[in-house]
Amino acid sequence: MQEDDLLELWNAKRFQIIAAQVAPALVLLGVFVLAAFGQFENASDGAKYLAIGATAATGILAVITQYATIREAEALLIDLKKIENKSALATKIASSRGFLSIMAIILVGLSLISFALVLWAVLG
């Protein structure tokens, strides 16, 4: 593949990671608003478990998508690194594999923390 094709794929992968965050952010916003107004205090157990389940399902699917995208982006970086006479941008992107690895770890860590906070907000 050519440098331009790989850079285009890189941008697509970045967009996929960002897009995968939209649905969980909206679900978390909904849980936050309901918790802020005390709606879970008098909610039935079924409603609480539904909120937790929906949050978990949305979050798990987003993490899987983001993690897969990160793995694909790491492979893309290997291909980008092999290109000779790269632009400064391509060189900088090709050297960001460590950043992607850190991002994968942070993704999992923040997801677990967010879910723990959802459990706390919903179950009290």
N, C-alpha and C. Protein backbone atom coordinates (compact mmCIF):
# COMPACT_ATOMS: atom_id res chain seq x y z
N MET A 1 0.84 -1.19 0.00
CA MET A 1 0.00 0.00 0.00
C MET A 1 0.88 1.24 0.00
N GLN A 2 0.32 2.28 -0.52
CA GLN A 2 1.02 3.56 -0.57
C GLN A 2 0.83 4.32 0.74
N GLU A 3 1.70 5.28 0.97
CA GLU A 3 1.62 6.08 2.18
C GLU A 3 0.26 6.76 2.33
N ASP A 4 -0.24 7.34 1.25
CA ASP A 4 -1.54 8.03 1.32
C ASP A 4 -2.66 7.08 1.73
N ASP A 5 -2.64 5.87 1.20
CA ASP A 5 -3.66 4.88 1.55
C ASP A 5 -3.58 4.52 3.03
N LEU A 6 -2.38 4.34 3.53
CA LEU A 6 -2.20 4.00 4.93
C LEU A 6 -2.61 5.15 5.85
N LEU A 7 -2.29 6.37 5.46
CA LEU A 7 -2.70 7.52 6.27
C LEU A 7 -4.23 7.67 6.27
N GLU A 8 -4.84 7.37 5.14
CA GLU A 8 -6.30 7.42 5.08
C GLU A 8 -6.91 6.35 5.99
N LEU A 9 -6.32 5.16 5.98
CA LEU A 9 -6.78 4.11 6.89
C LEU A 9 -6.57 4.50 8.35
N TRP A 10 -5.45 5.13 8.63
CA TRP A 10 -5.16 5.60 10.00
C TRP A 10 -6.25 6.54 10.48
N ASN A 11 -6.62 7.49 9.64
CA ASN A 11 -7.68 8.44 10.00
C ASN A 11 -9.02 7.73 10.17
N ALA A 12 -9.28 6.72 9.35
CA ALA A 12 -10.52 5.96 9.49
C ALA A 12 -10.54 5.22 10.82
N LYS A 13 -9.41 4.66 11.22
CA LYS A 13 -9.33 3.95 12.51
C LYS A 13 -9.55 4.92 13.67
N ARG A 14 -8.97 6.10 13.56
CA ARG A 14 -9.18 7.10 14.61
C ARG A 14 -10.65 7.47 14.71
N PHE A 15 -11.30 7.63 13.58
CA PHE A 15 -12.72 7.96 13.57
C PHE A 15 -13.55 6.83 14.17
N GLN A 16 -13.18 5.58 13.89
CA GLN A 16 -13.91 4.44 14.45
C GLN A 16 -13.84 4.43 15.97
N ILE A 17 -12.69 4.76 16.51
CA ILE A 17 -12.53 4.80 17.97
C ILE A 17 -13.42 5.89 18.55
N ILE A 18 -13.42 7.04 17.92
CA ILE A 18 -14.25 8.15 18.40
C ILE A 18 -15.73 7.81 18.28
N ALA A 19 -16.13 7.27 17.13
CA ALA A 19 -17.54 6.94 16.91
C ALA A 19 -18.03 5.88 17.89
N ALA A 20 -17.15 4.95 18.26
CA ALA A 20 -17.53 3.89 19.19
C ALA A 20 -17.79 4.42 20.60
N GLN A 21 -17.37 5.64 20.87
CA GLN A 21 -17.55 6.23 22.19
C GLN A 21 -18.89 6.97 22.32
N VAL A 22 -19.57 7.22 21.22
CA VAL A 22 -20.79 8.03 21.25
C VAL A 22 -21.91 7.35 22.03
N ALA A 23 -22.26 6.12 21.66
CA ALA A 23 -23.37 5.43 22.32
C ALA A 23 -23.13 5.25 23.83
N PRO A 24 -21.94 4.76 24.24
CA PRO A 24 -21.73 4.63 25.69
C PRO A 24 -21.78 5.98 26.42
N ALA A 25 -21.30 7.02 25.77
CA ALA A 25 -21.35 8.35 26.40
C ALA A 25 -22.79 8.79 26.61
N LEU A 26 -23.65 8.52 25.64
CA LEU A 26 -25.06 8.88 25.78
C LEU A 26 -25.74 8.06 26.88
N VAL A 27 -25.41 6.78 26.95
CA VAL A 27 -25.97 5.93 28.00
C VAL A 27 -25.50 6.40 29.37
N LEU A 28 -24.21 6.69 29.48
CA LEU A 28 -23.68 7.20 30.76
C LEU A 28 -24.32 8.53 31.13
N LEU A 29 -24.54 9.37 30.15
CA LEU A 29 -25.21 10.65 30.41
C LEU A 29 -26.61 10.41 30.95
N GLY A 30 -27.33 9.47 30.35
CA GLY A 30 -28.67 9.14 30.83
C GLY A 30 -28.65 8.63 32.26
N VAL A 31 -27.73 7.74 32.57
CA VAL A 31 -27.61 7.21 33.93
C VAL A 31 -27.23 8.33 34.90
N PHE A 32 -26.33 9.20 34.48
CA PHE A 32 -25.91 10.32 35.33
C PHE A 32 -27.10 11.23 35.65
N VAL A 33 -27.87 11.58 34.64
CA VAL A 33 -29.02 12.48 34.85
C VAL A 33 -30.04 11.82 35.77
N LEU A 34 -30.35 10.56 35.52
CA LEU A 34 -31.31 9.86 36.38
C LEU A 34 -30.79 9.76 37.81
N ALA A 35 -29.51 9.47 37.98
CA ALA A 35 -28.94 9.36 39.32
C ALA A 35 -28.91 10.72 40.00
N ALA A 36 -28.60 11.78 39.25
CA ALA A 36 -28.53 13.12 39.82
C ALA A 36 -29.89 13.57 40.35
N PHE A 37 -30.96 13.13 39.72
CA PHE A 37 -32.31 13.49 40.15
C PHE A 37 -32.90 12.45 41.11
N GLY A 38 -32.08 11.48 41.53
CA GLY A 38 -32.52 10.50 42.52
C GLY A 38 -33.54 9.50 42.01
N GLN A 39 -33.59 9.30 40.71
CA GLN A 39 -34.60 8.41 40.14
C GLN A 39 -34.36 6.93 40.46
N PHE A 40 -33.15 6.57 40.81
CA PHE A 40 -32.88 5.16 41.11
C PHE A 40 -33.23 4.80 42.56
N GLU A 41 -33.40 5.81 43.40
CA GLU A 41 -33.69 5.54 44.81
C GLU A 41 -35.01 4.79 44.98
N ASN A 42 -36.02 5.18 44.21
CA ASN A 42 -37.34 4.54 44.33
C ASN A 42 -37.66 3.61 43.17
N ALA A 43 -36.69 3.39 42.30
CA ALA A 43 -36.91 2.53 41.14
C ALA A 43 -36.99 1.07 41.56
N SER A 44 -37.71 0.29 40.79
CA SER A 44 -37.79 -1.15 41.07
C SER A 44 -36.44 -1.80 40.79
N ASP A 45 -36.26 -2.98 41.35
CA ASP A 45 -35.03 -3.71 41.09
C ASP A 45 -34.87 -4.00 39.60
N GLY A 46 -35.97 -4.31 38.93
CA GLY A 46 -35.93 -4.57 37.50
C GLY A 46 -35.42 -3.39 36.71
N ALA A 47 -35.88 -2.20 37.06
CA ALA A 47 -35.44 -0.98 36.36
C ALA A 47 -33.95 -0.73 36.62
N LYS A 48 -33.52 -0.98 37.84
CA LYS A 48 -32.10 -0.79 38.16
C LYS A 48 -31.23 -1.78 37.37
N TYR A 49 -31.65 -3.04 37.35
CA TYR A 49 -30.87 -4.05 36.61
C TYR A 49 -30.89 -3.79 35.12
N LEU A 50 -32.01 -3.26 34.61
CA LEU A 50 -32.07 -2.91 33.19
C LEU A 50 -31.07 -1.79 32.88
N ALA A 51 -31.00 -0.79 33.74
CA ALA A 51 -30.04 0.31 33.54
C ALA A 51 -28.61 -0.21 33.58
N ILE A 52 -28.33 -1.09 34.53
CA ILE A 52 -26.98 -1.67 34.64
C ILE A 52 -26.68 -2.54 33.42
N GLY A 53 -27.64 -3.36 33.02
CA GLY A 53 -27.44 -4.24 31.87
C GLY A 53 -27.25 -3.48 30.57
N ALA A 54 -28.06 -2.45 30.37
CA ALA A 54 -27.93 -1.65 29.14
C ALA A 54 -26.58 -0.93 29.12
N THR A 55 -26.17 -0.43 30.26
CA THR A 55 -24.87 0.23 30.35
C THR A 55 -23.74 -0.76 30.08
N ALA A 56 -23.84 -1.93 30.67
CA ALA A 56 -22.81 -2.95 30.47
C ALA A 56 -22.74 -3.40 29.02
N ALA A 57 -23.89 -3.68 28.42
CA ALA A 57 -23.91 -4.14 27.03
C ALA A 57 -23.34 -3.09 26.09
N THR A 58 -23.77 -1.86 26.26
CA THR A 58 -23.27 -0.79 25.41
C THR A 58 -21.77 -0.60 25.60
N GLY A 59 -21.33 -0.62 26.83
CA GLY A 59 -19.91 -0.44 27.12
C GLY A 59 -19.05 -1.58 26.60
N ILE A 60 -19.51 -2.80 26.78
CA ILE A 60 -18.74 -3.96 26.32
C ILE A 60 -18.59 -3.94 24.81
N LEU A 61 -19.69 -3.67 24.10
CA LEU A 61 -19.62 -3.61 22.64
C LEU A 61 -18.69 -2.50 22.17
N ALA A 62 -18.72 -1.37 22.85
CA ALA A 62 -17.83 -0.26 22.48
C ALA A 62 -16.37 -0.61 22.74
N VAL A 63 -16.10 -1.25 23.86
CA VAL A 63 -14.72 -1.62 24.19
C VAL A 63 -14.20 -2.64 23.17
N ILE A 64 -15.03 -3.61 22.81
CA ILE A 64 -14.61 -4.60 21.81
C ILE A 64 -14.28 -3.91 20.49
N THR A 65 -15.15 -3.00 20.07
CA THR A 65 -14.92 -2.26 18.83
C THR A 65 -13.64 -1.44 18.90
N GLN A 66 -13.47 -0.71 19.99
CA GLN A 66 -12.29 0.13 20.13
C GLN A 66 -11.02 -0.70 20.23
N TYR A 67 -11.07 -1.79 20.96
CA TYR A 67 -9.89 -2.63 21.11
C TYR A 67 -9.49 -3.26 19.76
N ALA A 68 -10.49 -3.74 19.02
CA ALA A 68 -10.21 -4.31 17.69
C ALA A 68 -9.63 -3.25 16.76
N THR A 69 -10.15 -2.05 16.83
CA THR A 69 -9.65 -0.96 16.00
C THR A 69 -8.21 -0.63 16.37
N ILE A 70 -7.89 -0.63 17.65
CA ILE A 70 -6.52 -0.38 18.09
C ILE A 70 -5.59 -1.46 17.56
N ARG A 71 -6.01 -2.71 17.63
CA ARG A 71 -5.17 -3.82 17.13
C ARG A 71 -4.93 -3.66 15.62
N GLU A 72 -5.98 -3.29 14.88
CA GLU A 72 -5.82 -3.09 13.44
C GLU A 72 -4.91 -1.90 13.16
N ALA A 73 -5.04 -0.86 13.96
CA ALA A 73 -4.18 0.31 13.78
C ALA A 73 -2.72 -0.03 14.07
N GLU A 74 -2.47 -0.92 15.03
CA GLU A 74 -1.10 -1.34 15.30
C GLU A 74 -0.51 -2.05 14.08
N ALA A 75 -1.29 -2.89 13.42
CA ALA A 75 -0.82 -3.56 12.20
C ALA A 75 -0.57 -2.53 11.10
N LEU A 76 -1.43 -1.55 11.02
CA LEU A 76 -1.27 -0.48 10.03
C LEU A 76 0.05 0.27 10.27
N LEU A 77 0.40 0.49 11.53
CA LEU A 77 1.65 1.18 11.85
C LEU A 77 2.87 0.39 11.40
N ILE A 78 2.78 -0.93 11.50
CA ILE A 78 3.88 -1.79 11.04
C ILE A 78 4.07 -1.59 9.54
N ASP A 79 2.97 -1.59 8.80
CA ASP A 79 3.05 -1.38 7.35
C ASP A 79 3.56 0.02 7.02
N LEU A 80 3.12 1.00 7.78
CA LEU A 80 3.54 2.38 7.53
C LEU A 80 5.04 2.55 7.81
N LYS A 81 5.53 1.84 8.81
CA LYS A 81 6.94 1.92 9.16
C LYS A 81 7.84 1.38 8.04
N LYS A 82 7.34 0.42 7.24
CA LYS A 82 8.11 -0.22 6.18
C LYS A 82 8.28 0.67 4.95
N ILE A 83 7.47 1.70 4.83
CA ILE A 83 7.54 2.57 3.65
C ILE A 83 8.80 3.42 3.71
N GLU A 84 9.50 3.49 2.58
CA GLU A 84 10.70 4.32 2.51
C GLU A 84 10.32 5.73 2.08
N ASN A 85 11.15 6.70 2.45
CA ASN A 85 10.95 8.11 2.10
C ASN A 85 9.57 8.61 2.51
N LYS A 86 9.22 8.37 3.77
CA LYS A 86 7.92 8.82 4.29
C LYS A 86 7.95 10.31 4.59
N SER A 87 6.75 10.88 4.63
CA SER A 87 6.61 12.27 5.05
C SER A 87 6.85 12.34 6.57
N ALA A 88 7.00 13.54 7.07
CA ALA A 88 7.19 13.73 8.51
C ALA A 88 5.96 13.24 9.27
N LEU A 89 4.79 13.46 8.70
CA LEU A 89 3.56 13.01 9.35
C LEU A 89 3.52 11.48 9.43
N ALA A 90 3.84 10.82 8.34
CA ALA A 90 3.83 9.36 8.33
C ALA A 90 4.87 8.81 9.29
N THR A 91 6.03 9.45 9.38
CA THR A 91 7.08 9.02 10.31
C THR A 91 6.59 9.13 11.74
N LYS A 92 5.94 10.24 12.06
CA LYS A 92 5.43 10.47 13.42
C LYS A 92 4.34 9.45 13.76
N ILE A 93 3.43 9.22 12.84
CA ILE A 93 2.35 8.25 13.08
C ILE A 93 2.94 6.85 13.23
N ALA A 94 3.89 6.49 12.38
CA ALA A 94 4.50 5.16 12.43
C ALA A 94 5.19 4.88 13.76
N SER A 95 5.59 5.92 14.45
CA SER A 95 6.29 5.74 15.73
C SER A 95 5.35 5.77 16.94
N SER A 96 4.05 5.72 16.71
CA SER A 96 3.11 5.86 17.82
C SER A 96 2.52 4.55 18.31
N ARG A 97 3.20 3.44 18.07
CA ARG A 97 2.67 2.14 18.51
C ARG A 97 2.59 2.06 20.03
N GLY A 98 3.58 2.61 20.71
CA GLY A 98 3.55 2.62 22.18
C GLY A 98 2.35 3.37 22.70
N PHE A 99 2.02 4.47 22.05
CA PHE A 99 0.85 5.25 22.43
C PHE A 99 -0.43 4.43 22.29
N LEU A 100 -0.52 3.66 21.22
CA LEU A 100 -1.69 2.81 21.02
C LEU A 100 -1.81 1.76 22.10
N SER A 101 -0.67 1.18 22.51
CA SER A 101 -0.69 0.18 23.57
C SER A 101 -1.16 0.78 24.88
N ILE A 102 -0.68 1.96 25.17
CA ILE A 102 -1.12 2.66 26.40
C ILE A 102 -2.61 2.98 26.31
N MET A 103 -3.05 3.38 25.13
CA MET A 103 -4.46 3.71 24.94
C MET A 103 -5.35 2.49 25.18
N ALA A 104 -4.91 1.31 24.76
CA ALA A 104 -5.68 0.09 24.98
C ALA A 104 -5.81 -0.20 26.47
N ILE A 105 -4.73 -0.01 27.21
CA ILE A 105 -4.75 -0.23 28.66
C ILE A 105 -5.67 0.77 29.34
N ILE A 106 -5.55 2.03 28.96
CA ILE A 106 -6.39 3.08 29.54
C ILE A 106 -7.87 2.83 29.22
N LEU A 107 -8.14 2.38 28.00
CA LEU A 107 -9.50 2.08 27.58
C LEU A 107 -10.15 1.06 28.51
N VAL A 108 -9.45 -0.01 28.79
CA VAL A 108 -9.98 -1.05 29.66
C VAL A 108 -10.13 -0.52 31.09
N GLY A 109 -9.11 0.18 31.57
CA GLY A 109 -9.15 0.71 32.94
C GLY A 109 -10.28 1.70 33.15
N LEU A 110 -10.44 2.66 32.24
CA LEU A 110 -11.51 3.64 32.38
C LEU A 110 -12.89 3.01 32.23
N SER A 111 -12.98 1.99 31.41
CA SER A 111 -14.26 1.29 31.25
C SER A 111 -14.67 0.61 32.55
N LEU A 112 -13.72 -0.04 33.20
CA LEU A 112 -14.02 -0.70 34.47
C LEU A 112 -14.39 0.31 35.55
N ILE A 113 -13.67 1.42 35.60
CA ILE A 113 -13.98 2.47 36.58
C ILE A 113 -15.37 3.05 36.31
N SER A 114 -15.67 3.33 35.05
CA SER A 114 -16.99 3.88 34.70
C SER A 114 -18.10 2.93 35.09
N PHE A 115 -17.91 1.64 34.82
CA PHE A 115 -18.95 0.68 35.17
C PHE A 115 -19.11 0.57 36.68
N ALA A 116 -18.03 0.62 37.42
CA ALA A 116 -18.12 0.60 38.89
C ALA A 116 -18.90 1.81 39.39
N LEU A 117 -18.68 2.96 38.77
CA LEU A 117 -19.42 4.17 39.16
C LEU A 117 -20.89 4.05 38.81
N VAL A 118 -21.20 3.40 37.68
CA VAL A 118 -22.61 3.17 37.32
C VAL A 118 -23.27 2.27 38.37
N LEU A 119 -22.58 1.20 38.76
CA LEU A 119 -23.13 0.32 39.79
C LEU A 119 -23.40 1.10 41.08
N TRP A 120 -22.47 1.93 41.45
CA TRP A 120 -22.62 2.73 42.68
C TRP A 120 -23.80 3.70 42.55
N ALA A 121 -23.91 4.36 41.39
CA ALA A 121 -24.99 5.34 41.18
C ALA A 121 -26.36 4.67 41.14
N VAL A 122 -26.44 3.52 40.55
CA VAL A 122 -27.74 2.86 40.39
C VAL A 122 -28.15 2.12 41.66
N LEU A 123 -27.21 1.37 42.24
CA LEU A 123 -27.56 0.56 43.41
C LEU A 123 -27.41 1.31 44.73
N GLY A 124 -26.71 2.45 44.67
CA GLY A 124 -26.55 3.27 45.85
C GLY A 124 -25.51 2.73 46.73
